[in-house]
Amino acid sequence: MPWKNSTNRYSTVTVTLHWLMLVLLAVVYACIEFRGIFPKGSDGRTLIKEAHFMLGLTVFVLVWLRLFARSMGKAPAIFPASPAWQTFLARLMHWALYLFMVAMPLLGWLITSAEGHQVMFYGFDLPLLVEPDKAFAEQLEGWHVLGGTVGYWLIGLHALAGLYHHYVVRDNTLLRMLPKRG
């Protein structure tokens, strides 16, 4: 898989990671939104929470690969070029999304650690990041919930901006990130 962007498309690695992470984030959100289907303390609820933790940490690992891929070269140019204020907002949005994908899994790991629970990551027990402290866990959980709400907005606005560029502005912003056809 090529890591380097071309003049008109993101690299195969970047495109693959982008769409894979979208699917992972959707499943992470679905896990936490649908955990209420199962009664507290049930095996089903435990399973769905563990999936939330593990997939969230998967996002954490993959975001570093995305950042590495991003560092491999310049982003493909947008044609026709966007105004400077749009370029600035797009950069701000991307860095906010990267911050979200780093901070949320870390907050989740900190919460779980502060609750005194081990985090399992694909069969490995991860170390506790802090000593058990229920009050600290509750405080962090408030931030994690707020971050989740902010994440909905960031992801939604990012998707709307891509669609706006594709259907209204009619530039190549979205096309640069779409998978290659046939």
C-alpha atoms as a PDB file:
ATOM      1  CA  MET A   1       0.000   0.000   0.000  1.00  0.00           C
ATOM      2  CA  PRO A   2       1.483   3.322  -0.953  1.00  0.00           C
ATOM      3  CA  TRP A   3       2.037   5.782   1.908  1.00  0.00           C
ATOM      4  CA  LYS A   4       2.640   8.862  -0.223  1.00  0.00           C
ATOM      5  CA  ASN A   5      -0.113  11.132  -1.456  1.00  0.00           C
ATOM      6  CA  SER A   6      -0.320  11.864  -5.158  1.00  0.00           C
ATOM      7  CA  THR A   7      -1.017  15.335  -6.504  1.00  0.00           C
ATOM      8  CA  ASN A   8      -4.784  14.658  -6.660  1.00  0.00           C
ATOM      9  CA  ARG A   9      -5.474  11.855  -4.116  1.00  0.00           C
ATOM     10  CA  TYR A  10      -4.584  10.840  -0.598  1.00  0.00           C
ATOM     11  CA  SER A  11      -2.501   7.677  -0.286  1.00  0.00           C
ATOM     12  CA  THR A  12      -4.147   4.273  -0.139  1.00  0.00           C
ATOM     13  CA  VAL A  13      -3.024   3.961   3.490  1.00  0.00           C
ATOM     14  CA  THR A  14      -4.556   7.311   4.432  1.00  0.00           C
ATOM     15  CA  VAL A  15      -7.840   6.580   2.637  1.00  0.00           C
ATOM     16  CA  THR A  16      -8.080   3.115   4.179  1.00  0.00           C
ATOM     17  CA  LEU A  17      -7.361   4.420   7.682  1.00  0.00           C
ATOM     18  CA  HIS A  18      -9.852   7.284   7.258  1.00  0.00           C
ATOM     19  CA  TRP A  19     -12.780   5.016   6.372  1.00  0.00           C
ATOM     20  CA  LEU A  20     -11.763   2.239   8.777  1.00  0.00           C
ATOM     21  CA  MET A  21     -11.658   4.749  11.614  1.00  0.00           C
ATOM     22  CA  LEU A  22     -15.077   6.091  10.653  1.00  0.00           C
ATOM     23  CA  VAL A  23     -16.481   2.564  10.955  1.00  0.00           C
ATOM     24  CA  LEU A  24     -14.654   2.007  14.255  1.00  0.00           C
ATOM     25  CA  LEU A  25     -15.915   5.298  15.682  1.00  0.00           C
ATOM     26  CA  ALA A  26     -19.473   4.435  14.634  1.00  0.00           C
ATOM     27  CA  VAL A  27     -19.202   1.074  16.422  1.00  0.00           C
ATOM     28  CA  VAL A  28     -17.608   2.701  19.510  1.00  0.00           C
ATOM     29  CA  TYR A  29     -20.519   5.145  19.698  1.00  0.00           C
ATOM     30  CA  ALA A  30     -23.062   2.378  19.014  1.00  0.00           C
ATOM     31  CA  CYS A  31     -21.622   0.260  21.842  1.00  0.00           C
ATOM     32  CA  ILE A  32     -22.050   3.003  24.398  1.00  0.00           C
ATOM     33  CA  GLU A  33     -25.433   4.161  23.086  1.00  0.00           C
ATOM     34  CA  PHE A  34     -26.903   0.643  23.049  1.00  0.00           C
ATOM     35  CA  ARG A  35     -25.423  -0.619  26.328  1.00  0.00           C
ATOM     36  CA  GLY A  36     -28.765   0.205  27.947  1.00  0.00           C
ATOM     37  CA  ILE A  37     -30.344  -2.699  26.062  1.00  0.00           C
ATOM     38  CA  PHE A  38     -28.718  -4.957  28.628  1.00  0.00           C
ATOM     39  CA  PRO A  39     -29.383  -4.787  32.374  1.00  0.00           C
ATOM     40  CA  LYS A  40     -26.578  -3.478  34.599  1.00  0.00           C
ATOM     41  CA  GLY A  41     -24.238  -6.253  35.681  1.00  0.00           C
ATOM     42  CA  SER A  42     -25.279  -8.592  32.850  1.00  0.00           C
ATOM     43  CA  ASP A  43     -22.805 -10.426  30.638  1.00  0.00           C
ATOM     44  CA  GLY A  44     -24.188  -8.619  27.574  1.00  0.00           C
ATOM     45  CA  ARG A  45     -23.629  -5.205  29.097  1.00  0.00           C
ATOM     46  CA  THR A  46     -20.104  -6.173  30.177  1.00  0.00           C
ATOM     47  CA  LEU A  47     -19.330  -7.431  26.671  1.00  0.00           C
ATOM     48  CA  ILE A  48     -20.590  -4.266  24.988  1.00  0.00           C
ATOM     49  CA  LYS A  49     -18.629  -2.041  27.415  1.00  0.00           C
ATOM     50  CA  GLU A  50     -15.457  -4.074  26.835  1.00  0.00           C
ATOM     51  CA  ALA A  51     -15.967  -3.757  23.071  1.00  0.00           C
ATOM     52  CA  HIS A  52     -16.325   0.021  23.570  1.00  0.00           C
ATOM     53  CA  PHE A  53     -13.018   0.118  25.486  1.00  0.00           C
ATOM     54  CA  MET A  54     -11.109  -2.127  23.082  1.00  0.00           C
ATOM     55  CA  LEU A  55     -12.321  -0.427  19.903  1.00  0.00           C
ATOM     56  CA  GLY A  56     -11.727   3.010  21.426  1.00  0.00           C
ATOM     57  CA  LEU A  57      -8.137   2.027  22.130  1.00  0.00           C
ATOM     58  CA  THR A  58      -7.885   0.672  18.583  1.00  0.00           C
ATOM     59  CA  VAL A  59      -8.788   4.176  17.377  1.00  0.00           C
ATOM     60  CA  PHE A  60      -6.035   5.505  19.663  1.00  0.00           C
ATOM     61  CA  VAL A  61      -3.453   3.222  18.009  1.00  0.00           C
ATOM     62  CA  LEU A  62      -4.657   3.931  14.473  1.00  0.00           C
ATOM     63  CA  VAL A  63      -4.704   7.718  14.902  1.00  0.00           C
ATOM     64  CA  TRP A  64      -0.915   7.607  15.366  1.00  0.00           C
ATOM     65  CA  LEU A  65      -0.638   5.733  12.063  1.00  0.00           C
ATOM     66  CA  ARG A  66      -2.840   8.409  10.477  1.00  0.00           C
ATOM     67  CA  LEU A  67      -0.613  11.146  11.822  1.00  0.00           C
ATOM     68  CA  PHE A  68       2.453   9.305  10.528  1.00  0.00           C
ATOM     69  CA  ALA A  69       0.833   8.912   7.091  1.00  0.00           C
ATOM     70  CA  ARG A  70      -0.069  12.615   7.179  1.00  0.00           C
ATOM     71  CA  SER A  71       3.582  13.479   7.810  1.00  0.00           C
ATOM     72  CA  MET A  72       4.660  11.589   4.682  1.00  0.00           C
ATOM     73  CA  GLY A  73       3.914  14.489   2.391  1.00  0.00           C
ATOM     74  CA  LYS A  74       1.720  17.341   1.354  1.00  0.00           C
ATOM     75  CA  ALA A  75      -2.032  16.949   1.127  1.00  0.00           C
ATOM     76  CA  PRO A  76      -3.336  16.795  -2.440  1.00  0.00           C
ATOM     77  CA  ALA A  77      -4.377  20.196  -3.749  1.00  0.00           C
ATOM     78  CA  ILE A  78      -8.014  21.228  -3.819  1.00  0.00           C
ATOM     79  CA  PHE A  79      -9.306  22.381  -7.211  1.00  0.00           C
ATOM     80  CA  PRO A  80     -10.636  24.985  -7.439  1.00  0.00           C
ATOM     81  CA  ALA A  81      -8.718  26.302  -4.456  1.00  0.00           C
ATOM     82  CA  SER A  82     -10.669  27.188  -1.322  1.00  0.00           C
ATOM     83  CA  PRO A  83     -10.590  30.648   0.239  1.00  0.00           C
ATOM     84  CA  ALA A  84      -7.980  31.091   2.994  1.00  0.00           C
ATOM     85  CA  TRP A  85     -10.633  31.186   5.750  1.00  0.00           C
ATOM     86  CA  GLN A  86     -12.006  27.793   4.647  1.00  0.00           C
ATOM     87  CA  THR A  87      -8.518  26.303   4.551  1.00  0.00           C
ATOM     88  CA  PHE A  88      -7.907  27.615   8.076  1.00  0.00           C
ATOM     89  CA  LEU A  89     -11.206  26.158   9.356  1.00  0.00           C
ATOM     90  CA  ALA A  90     -10.488  22.823   7.646  1.00  0.00           C
ATOM     91  CA  ARG A  91      -7.080  22.591   9.346  1.00  0.00           C
ATOM     92  CA  LEU A  92      -8.628  23.525  12.685  1.00  0.00           C
ATOM     93  CA  MET A  93     -11.317  20.858  12.217  1.00  0.00           C
ATOM     94  CA  HIS A  94      -8.764  18.175  11.331  1.00  0.00           C
ATOM     95  CA  TRP A  95      -6.607  18.931  14.352  1.00  0.00           C
ATOM     96  CA  ALA A  96      -9.712  18.959  16.573  1.00  0.00           C
ATOM     97  CA  LEU A  97     -10.620  15.506  15.215  1.00  0.00           C
ATOM     98  CA  TYR A  98      -7.080  14.221  15.860  1.00  0.00           C
ATOM     99  CA  LEU A  99      -7.178  15.631  19.396  1.00  0.00           C
ATOM    100  CA  PHE A 100     -10.563  13.950  19.907  1.00  0.00           C
ATOM    101  CA  MET A 101      -9.221  10.574  18.685  1.00  0.00           C
ATOM    102  CA  VAL A 102      -6.239  10.805  21.061  1.00  0.00           C
ATOM    103  CA  ALA A 103      -7.949  12.309  24.112  1.00  0.00           C
ATOM    104  CA  MET A 104     -11.113  10.204  24.256  1.00  0.00           C
ATOM    105  CA  PRO A 105      -9.424   6.782  24.464  1.00  0.00           C
ATOM    106  CA  LEU A 106      -6.943   8.151  27.011  1.00  0.00           C
ATOM    107  CA  LEU A 107      -9.801   9.526  29.104  1.00  0.00           C
ATOM    108  CA  GLY A 108     -11.573   6.172  28.886  1.00  0.00           C
ATOM    109  CA  TRP A 109      -8.439   4.336  29.992  1.00  0.00           C
ATOM    110  CA  LEU A 110      -7.958   6.808  32.861  1.00  0.00           C
ATOM    111  CA  ILE A 111     -11.600   6.367  33.954  1.00  0.00           C
ATOM    112  CA  THR A 112     -11.324   2.591  33.915  1.00  0.00           C
ATOM    113  CA  SER A 113      -8.045   2.774  35.836  1.00  0.00           C
ATOM    114  CA  ALA A 114      -9.500   5.162  38.417  1.00  0.00           C
ATOM    115  CA  GLU A 115     -12.424   2.761  38.860  1.00  0.00           C
ATOM    116  CA  GLY A 116      -9.852   0.068  39.679  1.00  0.00           C
ATOM    117  CA  HIS A 117     -10.638  -2.080  36.623  1.00  0.00           C
ATOM    118  CA  GLN A 118      -8.135  -3.634  34.266  1.00  0.00           C
ATOM    119  CA  VAL A 119      -8.457  -2.753  30.570  1.00  0.00           C
ATOM    120  CA  MET A 120      -8.170  -5.694  28.181  1.00  0.00           C
ATOM    121  CA  PHE A 121      -6.750  -4.914  24.744  1.00  0.00           C
ATOM    122  CA  TYR A 122      -6.850  -7.851  22.330  1.00  0.00           C
ATOM    123  CA  GLY A 123      -5.981 -10.346  25.076  1.00  0.00           C
ATOM    124  CA  PHE A 124      -3.460  -8.150  26.889  1.00  0.00           C
ATOM    125  CA  ASP A 125      -4.114  -6.544  30.264  1.00  0.00           C
ATOM    126  CA  LEU A 126      -3.078  -2.907  30.058  1.00  0.00           C
ATOM    127  CA  PRO A 127      -1.605  -1.295  33.153  1.00  0.00           C
ATOM    128  CA  LEU A 128      -3.649   0.998  35.343  1.00  0.00           C
ATOM    129  CA  LEU A 129      -2.728   4.600  34.568  1.00  0.00           C
ATOM    130  CA  VAL A 130      -3.737   5.916  38.009  1.00  0.00           C
ATOM    131  CA  GLU A 131      -4.534   4.547  41.440  1.00  0.00           C
ATOM    132  CA  PRO A 132      -8.209   3.707  42.040  1.00  0.00           C
ATOM    133  CA  ASP A 133     -10.149   6.856  42.996  1.00  0.00           C
ATOM    134  CA  LYS A 134     -13.926   6.844  42.465  1.00  0.00           C
ATOM    135  CA  ALA A 135     -14.271  10.644  42.743  1.00  0.00           C
ATOM    136  CA  PHE A 136     -11.572  11.173  40.118  1.00  0.00           C
ATOM    137  CA  ALA A 137     -13.224   8.558  37.879  1.00  0.00           C
ATOM    138  CA  GLU A 138     -16.553  10.417  38.086  1.00  0.00           C
ATOM    139  CA  GLN A 139     -14.886  13.730  37.253  1.00  0.00           C
ATOM    140  CA  LEU A 140     -13.121  12.198  34.249  1.00  0.00           C
ATOM    141  CA  GLU A 141     -16.346  10.536  33.140  1.00  0.00           C
ATOM    142  CA  GLY A 142     -17.999  13.962  32.936  1.00  0.00           C
ATOM    143  CA  TRP A 143     -15.218  15.092  30.600  1.00  0.00           C
ATOM    144  CA  HIS A 144     -15.479  11.871  28.593  1.00  0.00           C
ATOM    145  CA  VAL A 145     -19.227  12.316  28.114  1.00  0.00           C
ATOM    146  CA  LEU A 146     -18.728  15.950  27.081  1.00  0.00           C
ATOM    147  CA  GLY A 147     -15.978  14.858  24.677  1.00  0.00           C
ATOM    148  CA  GLY A 148     -18.343  12.272  23.199  1.00  0.00           C
ATOM    149  CA  THR A 149     -20.927  14.969  22.521  1.00  0.00           C
ATOM    150  CA  VAL A 150     -18.289  17.234  20.989  1.00  0.00           C
ATOM    151  CA  GLY A 151     -17.163  14.267  18.879  1.00  0.00           C
ATOM    152  CA  TYR A 152     -20.657  13.836  17.423  1.00  0.00           C
ATOM    153  CA  TRP A 153     -20.550  17.474  16.332  1.00  0.00           C
ATOM    154  CA  LEU A 154     -17.008  17.295  14.949  1.00  0.00           C
ATOM    155  CA  ILE A 155     -17.718  14.156  12.934  1.00  0.00           C
ATOM    156  CA  GLY A 156     -21.057  15.511  11.707  1.00  0.00           C
ATOM    157  CA  LEU A 157     -19.618  18.873  10.672  1.00  0.00           C
ATOM    158  CA  HIS A 158     -16.680  17.142   8.977  1.00  0.00           C
ATOM    159  CA  ALA A 159     -19.070  14.975   6.947  1.00  0.00           C
ATOM    160  CA  LEU A 160     -21.299  17.947   6.087  1.00  0.00           C
ATOM    161  CA  ALA A 161     -18.277  19.957   4.947  1.00  0.00           C
ATOM    162  CA  GLY A 162     -17.205  17.116   2.650  1.00  0.00           C
ATOM    163  CA  LEU A 163     -20.695  16.887   1.157  1.00  0.00           C
ATOM    164  CA  TYR A 164     -20.911  20.691   0.835  1.00  0.00           C
ATOM    165  CA  HIS A 165     -17.625  20.759  -1.076  1.00  0.00           C
ATOM    166  CA  HIS A 166     -18.719  17.898  -3.311  1.00  0.00           C
ATOM    167  CA  TYR A 167     -22.293  18.944  -4.133  1.00  0.00           C
ATOM    168  CA  VAL A 168     -22.318  22.757  -3.697  1.00  0.00           C
ATOM    169  CA  VAL A 169     -18.786  23.999  -4.320  1.00  0.00           C
ATOM    170  CA  ARG A 170     -18.109  21.092  -6.713  1.00  0.00           C
ATOM    171  CA  ASP A 171     -14.404  20.869  -5.943  1.00  0.00           C
ATOM    172  CA  ASN A 172     -12.326  17.719  -5.430  1.00  0.00           C
ATOM    173  CA  THR A 173     -12.206  17.842  -1.608  1.00  0.00           C
ATOM    174  CA  LEU A 174     -14.244  14.656  -1.112  1.00  0.00           C
ATOM    175  CA  LEU A 175     -12.865  12.893  -4.195  1.00  0.00           C
ATOM    176  CA  ARG A 176      -9.347  13.070  -2.762  1.00  0.00           C
ATOM    177  CA  MET A 177     -10.433  10.802   0.128  1.00  0.00           C
ATOM    178  CA  LEU A 178     -12.765   8.375  -1.653  1.00  0.00           C
ATOM    179  CA  PRO A 179     -11.518   4.829  -2.290  1.00  0.00           C
ATOM    180  CA  LYS A 180     -10.305   4.121  -5.812  1.00  0.00           C
ATOM    181  CA  ARG A 181     -12.828   2.518  -8.091  1.00  0.00           C
ATOM    182  CA  GLY A 182     -12.280  -0.689 -10.059  1.00  0.00           C
END
